[in-house]
Each structure stands twice: as structure tokens, then as C-alpha cells.
């Protein structure tokens, strides 16, 4: 298991190496998707047995990944 961001880890034996919250099998993209769908931070935390800080860490990680992404417009 390797920590790639605060509270975010990857392990080939867990969810095929997708980023998950440390100590869980909850993928970062699931958490972000639930928030995007309108769930509150508290509701997501309660539904998946997470701490509020875990949910915020998932958002921070997603923002970091998107901030590093470069998209080229095709013409």
C-alpha cells in the first residue's frame, strides 16, 4: 500500500489499484461523485463510515489531479 496524498492510498490488491480512502475500500471517485450528485459531506461520511476529513481529502486529491491535467483542444 502506498499513500499518494493525505488519507489517500493505492494498493493493487484493493479495488484494482484505484485511489481509496486509507483504511477503507471506498474509492475517491465514488466520494466525489456522491458530492457532485448533491449529497452533503456529512451524508457521504455517514453512508460510507468515513470521517468528514476523509471526504474533504478526497475532494482535495481530485482537485490536485485535475489541476495537474492538461487538455489539448483538437481543431
N, C-alpha and C. Protein backbone atom coordinates (compact mmCIF):
# COMPACT_ATOMS: atom_id res chain seq x y z
N UNK A 1 0.85 -1.16 0.00
CA UNK A 1 0.00 0.00 0.00
C UNK A 1 0.91 1.24 0.00
N UNK A 2 0.49 2.23 -0.79
CA UNK A 2 1.29 3.45 -0.90
C UNK A 2 0.37 4.66 -0.75
N UNK A 3 0.76 5.57 0.15
CA UNK A 3 -0.01 6.80 0.31
C UNK A 3 0.39 7.76 -0.79
N UNK A 4 -0.59 8.25 -1.55
CA UNK A 4 -0.31 9.17 -2.66
C UNK A 4 -0.73 10.59 -2.34
N UNK A 5 -1.48 10.76 -1.28
CA UNK A 5 -1.92 12.07 -0.80
C UNK A 5 -2.40 11.84 0.64
N UNK A 6 -2.55 12.91 1.42
CA UNK A 6 -3.06 12.70 2.78
C UNK A 6 -4.39 11.94 2.76
N UNK A 7 -4.42 10.81 3.49
CA UNK A 7 -5.60 9.95 3.63
C UNK A 7 -5.96 9.16 2.37
N UNK A 8 -5.20 9.28 1.29
CA UNK A 8 -5.49 8.60 0.03
C UNK A 8 -4.38 7.60 -0.25
N UNK A 9 -4.76 6.33 -0.50
CA UNK A 9 -3.77 5.29 -0.75
C UNK A 9 -4.14 4.50 -2.01
N UNK A 10 -3.13 3.82 -2.55
CA UNK A 10 -3.36 2.87 -3.63
C UNK A 10 -2.69 1.55 -3.25
N UNK A 11 -3.34 0.46 -3.63
CA UNK A 11 -2.85 -0.88 -3.37
C UNK A 11 -3.42 -1.77 -4.46
N UNK A 12 -2.56 -2.43 -5.20
CA UNK A 12 -3.03 -3.28 -6.31
C UNK A 12 -4.02 -4.34 -5.84
N UNK A 13 -3.96 -4.71 -4.57
CA UNK A 13 -4.86 -5.74 -4.05
C UNK A 13 -6.22 -5.17 -3.61
N UNK A 14 -6.36 -3.86 -3.65
CA UNK A 14 -7.61 -3.22 -3.22
C UNK A 14 -8.16 -2.40 -4.38
N UNK A 15 -9.33 -2.77 -4.86
CA UNK A 15 -10.03 -2.04 -5.93
C UNK A 15 -9.16 -1.85 -7.17
N UNK A 16 -8.34 -2.86 -7.47
CA UNK A 16 -7.51 -2.87 -8.67
C UNK A 16 -6.55 -1.69 -8.73
N UNK A 17 -6.12 -1.20 -7.57
CA UNK A 17 -5.15 -0.12 -7.53
C UNK A 17 -5.73 1.28 -7.67
N UNK A 18 -7.05 1.38 -7.65
CA UNK A 18 -7.67 2.71 -7.71
C UNK A 18 -7.45 3.44 -6.39
N UNK A 19 -7.34 4.77 -6.41
CA UNK A 19 -7.19 5.52 -5.15
C UNK A 19 -8.41 5.35 -4.25
N UNK A 20 -8.15 5.00 -3.00
CA UNK A 20 -9.20 4.83 -1.99
C UNK A 20 -8.83 5.60 -0.74
N UNK A 21 -9.82 5.79 0.13
CA UNK A 21 -9.54 6.41 1.42
C UNK A 21 -8.83 5.39 2.30
N UNK A 22 -7.77 5.83 2.96
CA UNK A 22 -6.95 4.95 3.81
C UNK A 22 -7.82 4.21 4.83
N UNK A 23 -7.59 2.92 4.95
CA UNK A 23 -8.33 2.10 5.91
C UNK A 23 -9.69 1.65 5.42
N UNK A 24 -10.01 1.95 4.16
CA UNK A 24 -11.31 1.56 3.60
C UNK A 24 -11.11 0.99 2.20
N UNK A 25 -12.22 0.60 1.59
CA UNK A 25 -12.23 0.21 0.18
C UNK A 25 -13.07 1.21 -0.62
N UNK A 26 -13.25 2.41 -0.06
CA UNK A 26 -14.10 3.43 -0.68
C UNK A 26 -13.25 4.25 -1.66
N UNK A 27 -13.56 4.15 -2.96
CA UNK A 27 -12.78 4.89 -3.97
C UNK A 27 -13.04 6.39 -3.92
N UNK A 28 -12.00 7.14 -4.21
CA UNK A 28 -12.10 8.60 -4.25
C UNK A 28 -13.16 9.05 -5.24
N UNK A 29 -13.20 8.44 -6.42
CA UNK A 29 -14.17 8.88 -7.43
C UNK A 29 -15.61 8.66 -6.97
N UNK A 30 -15.87 7.66 -6.18
CA UNK A 30 -17.21 7.43 -5.65
C UNK A 30 -17.62 8.58 -4.72
N UNK A 31 -16.71 8.95 -3.84
CA UNK A 31 -16.98 10.04 -2.90
C UNK A 31 -17.25 11.34 -3.65
N UNK A 32 -16.39 11.66 -4.61
CA UNK A 32 -16.55 12.90 -5.38
C UNK A 32 -17.86 12.86 -6.17
N UNK A 33 -18.17 11.71 -6.74
CA UNK A 33 -19.42 11.57 -7.49
C UNK A 33 -20.65 11.76 -6.63
N UNK A 34 -20.62 11.26 -5.41
CA UNK A 34 -21.75 11.45 -4.50
C UNK A 34 -21.93 12.92 -4.15
N UNK A 35 -20.82 13.62 -3.94
CA UNK A 35 -20.89 15.05 -3.67
C UNK A 35 -21.43 15.80 -4.88
N UNK A 36 -20.96 15.43 -6.05
CA UNK A 36 -21.43 16.08 -7.29
C UNK A 36 -22.92 15.83 -7.50
N UNK A 37 -23.39 14.69 -7.02
CA UNK A 37 -24.81 14.36 -7.15
C UNK A 37 -25.70 15.06 -6.14
N UNK A 38 -25.10 15.83 -5.25
CA UNK A 38 -25.89 16.62 -4.32
C UNK A 38 -25.86 16.19 -2.87
N UNK A 39 -25.17 15.10 -2.56
CA UNK A 39 -25.09 14.68 -1.16
C UNK A 39 -24.20 15.64 -0.40
N UNK A 40 -24.49 15.83 0.86
CA UNK A 40 -23.65 16.68 1.71
C UNK A 40 -22.43 15.89 2.16
N UNK A 41 -21.43 16.63 2.60
CA UNK A 41 -20.22 15.99 3.13
C UNK A 41 -20.59 15.06 4.28
N UNK A 42 -21.45 15.52 5.15
CA UNK A 42 -21.86 14.73 6.31
C UNK A 42 -22.61 13.46 5.90
N UNK A 43 -23.47 13.56 4.88
CA UNK A 43 -24.23 12.40 4.42
C UNK A 43 -23.31 11.36 3.79
N UNK A 44 -22.34 11.81 3.00
CA UNK A 44 -21.39 10.87 2.40
C UNK A 44 -20.57 10.19 3.49
N UNK A 45 -20.10 10.97 4.44
CA UNK A 45 -19.31 10.40 5.53
C UNK A 45 -20.13 9.35 6.29
N UNK A 46 -21.36 9.66 6.59
CA UNK A 46 -22.22 8.72 7.34
C UNK A 46 -22.51 7.46 6.52
N UNK A 47 -22.79 7.63 5.23
CA UNK A 47 -23.15 6.48 4.41
C UNK A 47 -22.01 5.48 4.25
N UNK A 48 -20.78 5.98 4.21
CA UNK A 48 -19.64 5.10 3.95
C UNK A 48 -18.74 4.91 5.17
N UNK A 49 -19.16 5.36 6.33
CA UNK A 49 -18.38 5.17 7.54
C UNK A 49 -17.06 5.93 7.52
N UNK A 50 -17.09 7.13 6.96
CA UNK A 50 -15.90 7.96 6.84
C UNK A 50 -15.96 9.11 7.84
N UNK A 51 -14.82 9.74 8.02
CA UNK A 51 -14.77 10.98 8.78
C UNK A 51 -14.94 12.14 7.79
N UNK A 52 -15.39 13.26 8.29
CA UNK A 52 -15.54 14.45 7.44
C UNK A 52 -14.22 14.76 6.74
N UNK A 53 -13.11 14.62 7.45
CA UNK A 53 -11.79 14.90 6.88
C UNK A 53 -11.45 13.97 5.73
N UNK A 54 -11.97 12.73 5.76
CA UNK A 54 -11.75 11.79 4.65
C UNK A 54 -12.42 12.32 3.38
N UNK A 55 -13.65 12.78 3.53
CA UNK A 55 -14.40 13.30 2.37
C UNK A 55 -13.69 14.52 1.80
N UNK A 56 -13.25 15.40 2.67
CA UNK A 56 -12.54 16.59 2.21
C UNK A 56 -11.20 16.23 1.57
N UNK A 57 -10.54 15.19 2.07
CA UNK A 57 -9.28 14.73 1.47
C UNK A 57 -9.53 14.20 0.07
N UNK A 58 -10.65 13.52 -0.14
CA UNK A 58 -10.99 13.03 -1.48
C UNK A 58 -11.19 14.20 -2.44
N UNK A 59 -11.85 15.24 -1.99
CA UNK A 59 -12.04 16.43 -2.82
C UNK A 59 -10.71 17.10 -3.12
N UNK A 60 -9.85 17.21 -2.12
CA UNK A 60 -8.55 17.85 -2.31
C UNK A 60 -7.71 17.06 -3.31
N UNK A 61 -7.75 15.73 -3.20
CA UNK A 61 -6.99 14.89 -4.13
C UNK A 61 -7.52 15.06 -5.56
N UNK A 62 -8.83 15.07 -5.72
CA UNK A 62 -9.43 15.25 -7.05
C UNK A 62 -9.04 16.60 -7.63
N UNK A 63 -9.05 17.64 -6.81
CA UNK A 63 -8.67 18.98 -7.27
C UNK A 63 -7.21 19.00 -7.71
N UNK A 64 -6.36 18.31 -6.95
CA UNK A 64 -4.94 18.24 -7.30
C UNK A 64 -4.73 17.54 -8.63
N UNK A 65 -5.39 16.41 -8.82
CA UNK A 65 -5.26 15.65 -10.07
C UNK A 65 -5.76 16.47 -11.25
N UNK A 66 -6.90 17.11 -11.10
CA UNK A 66 -7.43 17.94 -12.19
C UNK A 66 -6.56 19.16 -12.43
N UNK A 67 -5.98 19.69 -11.38
CA UNK A 67 -5.11 20.85 -11.54
C UNK A 67 -3.85 20.53 -12.32
N UNK A 68 -3.41 19.28 -12.25
CA UNK A 68 -2.21 18.85 -12.97
C UNK A 68 -2.51 18.39 -14.39
N UNK A 69 -3.79 18.21 -14.70
CA UNK A 69 -4.19 17.68 -16.02
C UNK A 69 -4.07 18.76 -17.08
N UNK A 70 -3.60 18.35 -18.26
CA UNK A 70 -3.51 19.26 -19.41
C UNK A 70 -4.39 18.70 -20.51
N UNK A 71 -5.25 19.52 -21.03
CA UNK A 71 -6.15 19.11 -22.10
C UNK A 71 -5.81 19.93 -23.34
N UNK A 72 -5.68 19.23 -24.45
CA UNK A 72 -5.38 19.91 -25.72
C UNK A 72 -6.64 19.92 -26.57
N UNK A 73 -6.98 21.07 -27.04
CA UNK A 73 -8.15 21.19 -27.89
C UNK A 73 -7.79 20.72 -29.31
N UNK A 74 -8.61 19.85 -29.86
CA UNK A 74 -8.41 19.38 -31.23
C UNK A 74 -9.17 20.30 -32.15
N UNK A 75 -8.52 20.68 -33.24
CA UNK A 75 -9.22 21.58 -34.18
C UNK A 75 -9.52 20.88 -35.48
